[in-house]
């Protein structure tokens, strides 16, 4: 995961950067297409299994009312990229974007 947008069902459930989504609504999620298809199986929420720090975890994401205001896909993508770039450098000296610090 690149992270979860503030106030989203994933953020409310505790999904965070680095989690690896394995299963959504009973379907393996190897690709974004798999994820989209799995999400369409339940309009009220999503049962997910993800990998975090060496262990599988499962939880239920409940969809709620949409956040106030509408956001376009490009805006959401820009926010996710910004979140990814703002992650502090790790002990290996890699920055949040996966490259080496300058």
N, C-alpha and C. Protein backbone atom coordinates (compact mmCIF):
# COMPACT_ATOMS: atom_id res chain seq x y z
N UNK A 1 0.84 -1.17 0.00
CA UNK A 1 0.00 0.00 0.00
C UNK A 1 0.89 1.24 0.00
N UNK A 2 0.45 2.22 -0.73
CA UNK A 2 1.13 3.51 -0.68
C UNK A 2 0.65 4.33 0.50
N UNK A 3 -0.39 3.87 1.15
CA UNK A 3 -0.96 4.58 2.28
C UNK A 3 -2.46 4.61 2.15
N UNK A 4 -3.11 5.32 3.05
CA UNK A 4 -4.56 5.45 3.01
C UNK A 4 -4.90 6.92 3.17
N UNK A 5 -5.82 7.38 2.38
CA UNK A 5 -6.22 8.78 2.45
C UNK A 5 -6.95 9.05 3.75
N UNK A 6 -6.65 10.18 4.36
CA UNK A 6 -7.26 10.57 5.63
C UNK A 6 -8.78 10.50 5.53
N UNK A 7 -9.40 9.83 6.49
CA UNK A 7 -10.86 9.73 6.54
C UNK A 7 -11.44 8.61 5.69
N UNK A 8 -10.61 7.93 4.92
CA UNK A 8 -11.11 6.85 4.06
C UNK A 8 -11.41 5.62 4.92
N UNK A 9 -12.22 4.67 4.40
CA UNK A 9 -12.47 3.44 5.15
C UNK A 9 -11.17 2.72 5.53
N UNK A 10 -10.19 2.73 4.63
CA UNK A 10 -8.92 2.06 4.92
C UNK A 10 -8.19 2.75 6.07
N UNK A 11 -8.16 4.08 6.06
CA UNK A 11 -7.49 4.82 7.13
C UNK A 11 -8.21 4.59 8.46
N UNK A 12 -9.53 4.61 8.44
CA UNK A 12 -10.29 4.39 9.67
C UNK A 12 -10.03 2.99 10.24
N UNK A 13 -9.77 2.03 9.35
CA UNK A 13 -9.51 0.66 9.79
C UNK A 13 -8.06 0.43 10.20
N UNK A 14 -7.17 1.40 9.92
CA UNK A 14 -5.77 1.27 10.32
C UNK A 14 -4.83 0.79 9.24
N UNK A 15 -5.28 0.72 7.99
CA UNK A 15 -4.40 0.36 6.88
C UNK A 15 -3.36 1.46 6.75
N UNK A 16 -2.11 1.08 6.49
CA UNK A 16 -1.06 2.08 6.40
C UNK A 16 -0.02 1.71 5.35
N UNK A 17 0.86 2.66 5.09
CA UNK A 17 1.93 2.47 4.12
C UNK A 17 2.71 1.20 4.44
N UNK A 18 2.97 0.41 3.41
CA UNK A 18 3.76 -0.80 3.58
C UNK A 18 2.94 -2.06 3.74
N UNK A 19 1.65 -1.94 4.08
CA UNK A 19 0.81 -3.13 4.16
C UNK A 19 0.67 -3.71 2.77
N UNK A 20 0.64 -5.03 2.69
CA UNK A 20 0.51 -5.70 1.40
C UNK A 20 -0.85 -6.39 1.38
N UNK A 21 -1.72 -5.92 0.50
CA UNK A 21 -3.06 -6.48 0.38
C UNK A 21 -2.98 -7.84 -0.31
N UNK A 22 -3.48 -8.86 0.35
CA UNK A 22 -3.45 -10.21 -0.20
C UNK A 22 -4.80 -10.64 -0.76
N UNK A 23 -5.87 -10.36 0.00
CA UNK A 23 -7.21 -10.82 -0.36
C UNK A 23 -8.21 -9.71 -0.05
N UNK A 24 -9.14 -9.50 -0.96
CA UNK A 24 -10.24 -8.56 -0.74
C UNK A 24 -11.54 -9.26 -1.12
N UNK A 25 -12.48 -9.29 -0.19
CA UNK A 25 -13.77 -9.94 -0.42
C UNK A 25 -13.61 -11.35 -0.97
N UNK A 26 -12.65 -12.08 -0.44
CA UNK A 26 -12.44 -13.47 -0.82
C UNK A 26 -11.64 -13.69 -2.10
N UNK A 27 -11.23 -12.62 -2.77
CA UNK A 27 -10.47 -12.73 -4.02
C UNK A 27 -9.02 -12.34 -3.80
N UNK A 28 -8.09 -13.12 -4.36
CA UNK A 28 -6.68 -12.72 -4.35
C UNK A 28 -6.54 -11.42 -5.10
N UNK A 29 -5.68 -10.54 -4.64
CA UNK A 29 -5.51 -9.23 -5.27
C UNK A 29 -4.07 -9.08 -5.76
N UNK A 30 -3.80 -9.72 -6.85
CA UNK A 30 -2.45 -9.64 -7.44
C UNK A 30 -2.27 -8.39 -8.29
N UNK A 31 -3.39 -7.84 -8.78
CA UNK A 31 -3.33 -6.66 -9.65
C UNK A 31 -4.39 -5.66 -9.22
N UNK A 32 -4.29 -4.46 -9.75
CA UNK A 32 -5.31 -3.44 -9.47
C UNK A 32 -6.66 -3.90 -10.02
N UNK A 33 -6.66 -4.57 -11.16
CA UNK A 33 -7.91 -5.08 -11.73
C UNK A 33 -8.56 -6.08 -10.77
N UNK A 34 -7.75 -6.97 -10.17
CA UNK A 34 -8.28 -7.91 -9.18
C UNK A 34 -8.94 -7.14 -8.03
N UNK A 35 -8.28 -6.09 -7.55
CA UNK A 35 -8.80 -5.29 -6.45
C UNK A 35 -10.13 -4.64 -6.82
N UNK A 36 -10.19 -4.03 -8.00
CA UNK A 36 -11.42 -3.36 -8.44
C UNK A 36 -12.56 -4.37 -8.55
N UNK A 37 -12.28 -5.54 -9.10
CA UNK A 37 -13.31 -6.57 -9.21
C UNK A 37 -13.77 -7.04 -7.83
N UNK A 38 -12.84 -7.20 -6.91
CA UNK A 38 -13.18 -7.64 -5.55
C UNK A 38 -14.00 -6.57 -4.83
N UNK A 39 -13.64 -5.32 -5.01
CA UNK A 39 -14.37 -4.23 -4.36
C UNK A 39 -15.82 -4.19 -4.82
N UNK A 40 -16.06 -4.51 -6.08
CA UNK A 40 -17.41 -4.47 -6.64
C UNK A 40 -18.31 -5.58 -6.08
N UNK A 41 -17.74 -6.56 -5.40
CA UNK A 41 -18.53 -7.67 -4.88
C UNK A 41 -19.40 -7.30 -3.67
N UNK A 42 -19.07 -6.21 -2.99
CA UNK A 42 -19.81 -5.81 -1.79
C UNK A 42 -19.89 -4.30 -1.74
N UNK A 43 -21.09 -3.75 -1.89
CA UNK A 43 -21.24 -2.30 -1.92
C UNK A 43 -21.20 -1.67 -0.54
N UNK A 44 -21.26 -2.48 0.53
CA UNK A 44 -21.28 -1.94 1.89
C UNK A 44 -19.91 -1.90 2.55
N UNK A 45 -18.97 -2.68 2.03
CA UNK A 45 -17.65 -2.72 2.65
C UNK A 45 -16.77 -3.77 2.01
N UNK A 46 -15.66 -4.05 2.68
CA UNK A 46 -14.71 -5.00 2.13
C UNK A 46 -14.01 -5.75 3.27
N UNK A 47 -14.00 -7.07 3.15
CA UNK A 47 -13.20 -7.91 4.05
C UNK A 47 -11.83 -8.04 3.42
N UNK A 48 -10.79 -7.68 4.15
CA UNK A 48 -9.44 -7.71 3.59
C UNK A 48 -8.51 -8.54 4.47
N UNK A 49 -7.55 -9.15 3.82
CA UNK A 49 -6.43 -9.80 4.50
C UNK A 49 -5.18 -9.16 3.93
N UNK A 50 -4.30 -8.71 4.82
CA UNK A 50 -3.08 -8.05 4.39
C UNK A 50 -1.91 -8.56 5.21
N UNK A 51 -0.72 -8.30 4.71
CA UNK A 51 0.52 -8.72 5.34
C UNK A 51 1.20 -7.50 5.91
N UNK A 52 1.53 -7.57 7.22
CA UNK A 52 2.23 -6.46 7.88
C UNK A 52 3.22 -7.04 8.88
N UNK A 53 4.46 -6.64 8.77
CA UNK A 53 5.51 -7.01 9.71
C UNK A 53 5.55 -8.51 10.01
N UNK A 54 5.53 -9.30 8.95
CA UNK A 54 5.71 -10.74 9.09
C UNK A 54 4.47 -11.54 9.43
N UNK A 55 3.32 -10.91 9.48
CA UNK A 55 2.10 -11.65 9.84
C UNK A 55 0.92 -11.20 8.99
N UNK A 56 0.02 -12.14 8.71
CA UNK A 56 -1.22 -11.81 8.03
C UNK A 56 -2.22 -11.29 9.04
N UNK A 57 -2.98 -10.28 8.64
CA UNK A 57 -4.04 -9.72 9.48
C UNK A 57 -5.29 -9.58 8.62
N UNK A 58 -6.44 -9.71 9.24
CA UNK A 58 -7.70 -9.56 8.53
C UNK A 58 -8.58 -8.56 9.25
N UNK A 59 -9.36 -7.83 8.47
CA UNK A 59 -10.31 -6.89 9.05
C UNK A 59 -11.37 -6.55 8.04
N UNK A 60 -12.38 -5.84 8.52
CA UNK A 60 -13.50 -5.41 7.69
C UNK A 60 -13.45 -3.90 7.53
N UNK A 61 -13.47 -3.43 6.29
CA UNK A 61 -13.56 -2.01 5.98
C UNK A 61 -15.03 -1.71 5.70
N UNK A 62 -15.59 -0.78 6.44
CA UNK A 62 -16.99 -0.39 6.23
C UNK A 62 -17.01 0.91 5.46
N UNK A 63 -17.74 0.92 4.34
CA UNK A 63 -17.89 2.15 3.58
C UNK A 63 -18.91 3.02 4.30
N UNK A 64 -18.61 4.28 4.42
CA UNK A 64 -19.52 5.23 5.04
C UNK A 64 -19.91 6.27 4.02
N UNK A 65 -20.58 7.30 4.49
CA UNK A 65 -20.90 8.39 3.58
C UNK A 65 -19.63 9.00 3.01
N UNK A 66 -19.71 9.44 1.78
CA UNK A 66 -18.55 10.05 1.13
C UNK A 66 -18.14 11.30 1.89
N UNK A 67 -16.86 11.56 1.89
CA UNK A 67 -16.35 12.77 2.54
C UNK A 67 -16.93 14.00 1.83
N UNK A 68 -17.02 15.08 2.56
CA UNK A 68 -17.57 16.29 1.95
C UNK A 68 -16.67 16.74 0.82
N UNK A 69 -17.28 17.22 -0.21
CA UNK A 69 -16.53 17.66 -1.39
C UNK A 69 -16.21 16.47 -2.28
N UNK A 70 -16.05 16.73 -3.54
CA UNK A 70 -15.70 15.66 -4.46
C UNK A 70 -14.25 15.84 -4.86
N UNK A 71 -13.62 14.73 -5.20
CA UNK A 71 -12.22 14.76 -5.59
C UNK A 71 -12.07 13.96 -6.86
N UNK A 72 -11.31 14.49 -7.77
CA UNK A 72 -11.09 13.79 -9.01
C UNK A 72 -9.93 12.80 -8.85
N UNK A 73 -9.84 11.85 -9.75
CA UNK A 73 -8.82 10.81 -9.68
C UNK A 73 -7.41 11.40 -9.69
N UNK A 74 -7.18 12.42 -10.50
CA UNK A 74 -5.84 13.02 -10.57
C UNK A 74 -5.46 13.64 -9.23
N UNK A 75 -6.42 14.28 -8.56
CA UNK A 75 -6.16 14.87 -7.25
C UNK A 75 -5.82 13.81 -6.21
N UNK A 76 -6.55 12.70 -6.25
CA UNK A 76 -6.27 11.61 -5.32
C UNK A 76 -4.89 11.01 -5.57
N UNK A 77 -4.54 10.82 -6.84
CA UNK A 77 -3.24 10.28 -7.18
C UNK A 77 -2.13 11.22 -6.71
N UNK A 78 -2.32 12.51 -6.91
CA UNK A 78 -1.31 13.48 -6.47
C UNK A 78 -1.14 13.42 -4.96
N UNK A 79 -2.24 13.27 -4.22
CA UNK A 79 -2.15 13.19 -2.77
C UNK A 79 -1.41 11.92 -2.33
N UNK A 80 -1.68 10.81 -2.99
CA UNK A 80 -0.97 9.57 -2.65
C UNK A 80 0.52 9.69 -2.94
N UNK A 81 0.86 10.29 -4.07
CA UNK A 81 2.27 10.47 -4.41
C UNK A 81 2.94 11.36 -3.37
N UNK A 82 2.28 12.43 -2.98
CA UNK A 82 2.84 13.32 -1.97
C UNK A 82 3.04 12.58 -0.66
N UNK A 83 2.06 11.77 -0.26
CA UNK A 83 2.20 10.99 0.98
C UNK A 83 3.41 10.08 0.88
N UNK A 84 3.60 9.46 -0.25
CA UNK A 84 4.71 8.52 -0.46
C UNK A 84 6.05 9.26 -0.39
N UNK A 85 6.10 10.46 -0.94
CA UNK A 85 7.36 11.21 -0.96
C UNK A 85 7.69 11.81 0.40
N UNK A 86 6.70 11.98 1.26
CA UNK A 86 6.94 12.59 2.56
C UNK A 86 7.36 11.60 3.63
N UNK A 87 7.38 10.31 3.30
CA UNK A 87 7.78 9.32 4.28
C UNK A 87 9.27 9.50 4.57
N UNK A 88 9.66 9.58 5.84
CA UNK A 88 11.06 9.85 6.19
C UNK A 88 12.01 8.76 5.71
N UNK A 89 13.25 9.14 5.58
CA UNK A 89 14.28 8.19 5.16
C UNK A 89 14.40 7.07 6.16
N UNK A 90 14.62 5.87 5.63
CA UNK A 90 14.82 4.71 6.49
C UNK A 90 16.27 4.53 6.85
N UNK A 91 16.58 3.53 7.64
CA UNK A 91 17.96 3.31 8.09
C UNK A 91 18.92 2.99 6.95
N UNK A 92 18.38 2.51 5.81
CA UNK A 92 19.26 2.16 4.71
C UNK A 92 19.62 3.37 3.87
N UNK A 93 19.05 4.55 4.22
CA UNK A 93 19.35 5.75 3.48
C UNK A 93 18.46 5.97 2.27
N UNK A 94 17.45 5.08 2.11
CA UNK A 94 16.53 5.26 1.01
C UNK A 94 15.44 6.25 1.41
N UNK A 95 15.07 7.11 0.47
CA UNK A 95 13.98 8.04 0.77
C UNK A 95 12.65 7.36 0.52
N UNK A 96 11.56 8.08 0.80
CA UNK A 96 10.23 7.52 0.66
C UNK A 96 9.87 7.12 -0.75
N UNK A 97 10.55 7.67 -1.76
CA UNK A 97 10.24 7.35 -3.13
C UNK A 97 10.96 6.10 -3.61
N UNK A 98 11.72 5.46 -2.73
CA UNK A 98 12.41 4.23 -3.10
C UNK A 98 13.77 4.45 -3.72
N UNK A 99 14.17 5.68 -3.91
CA UNK A 99 15.49 5.97 -4.47
C UNK A 99 16.44 6.39 -3.38
N UNK A 100 17.69 6.63 -3.74
CA UNK A 100 18.71 7.05 -2.78
C UNK A 100 18.59 8.54 -2.54
N UNK A 101 18.84 8.95 -1.29
CA UNK A 101 18.86 10.38 -0.97
C UNK A 101 20.00 11.04 -1.72
N UNK A 102 19.80 12.29 -2.14
CA UNK A 102 20.86 13.01 -2.86
C UNK A 102 21.87 13.57 -1.90
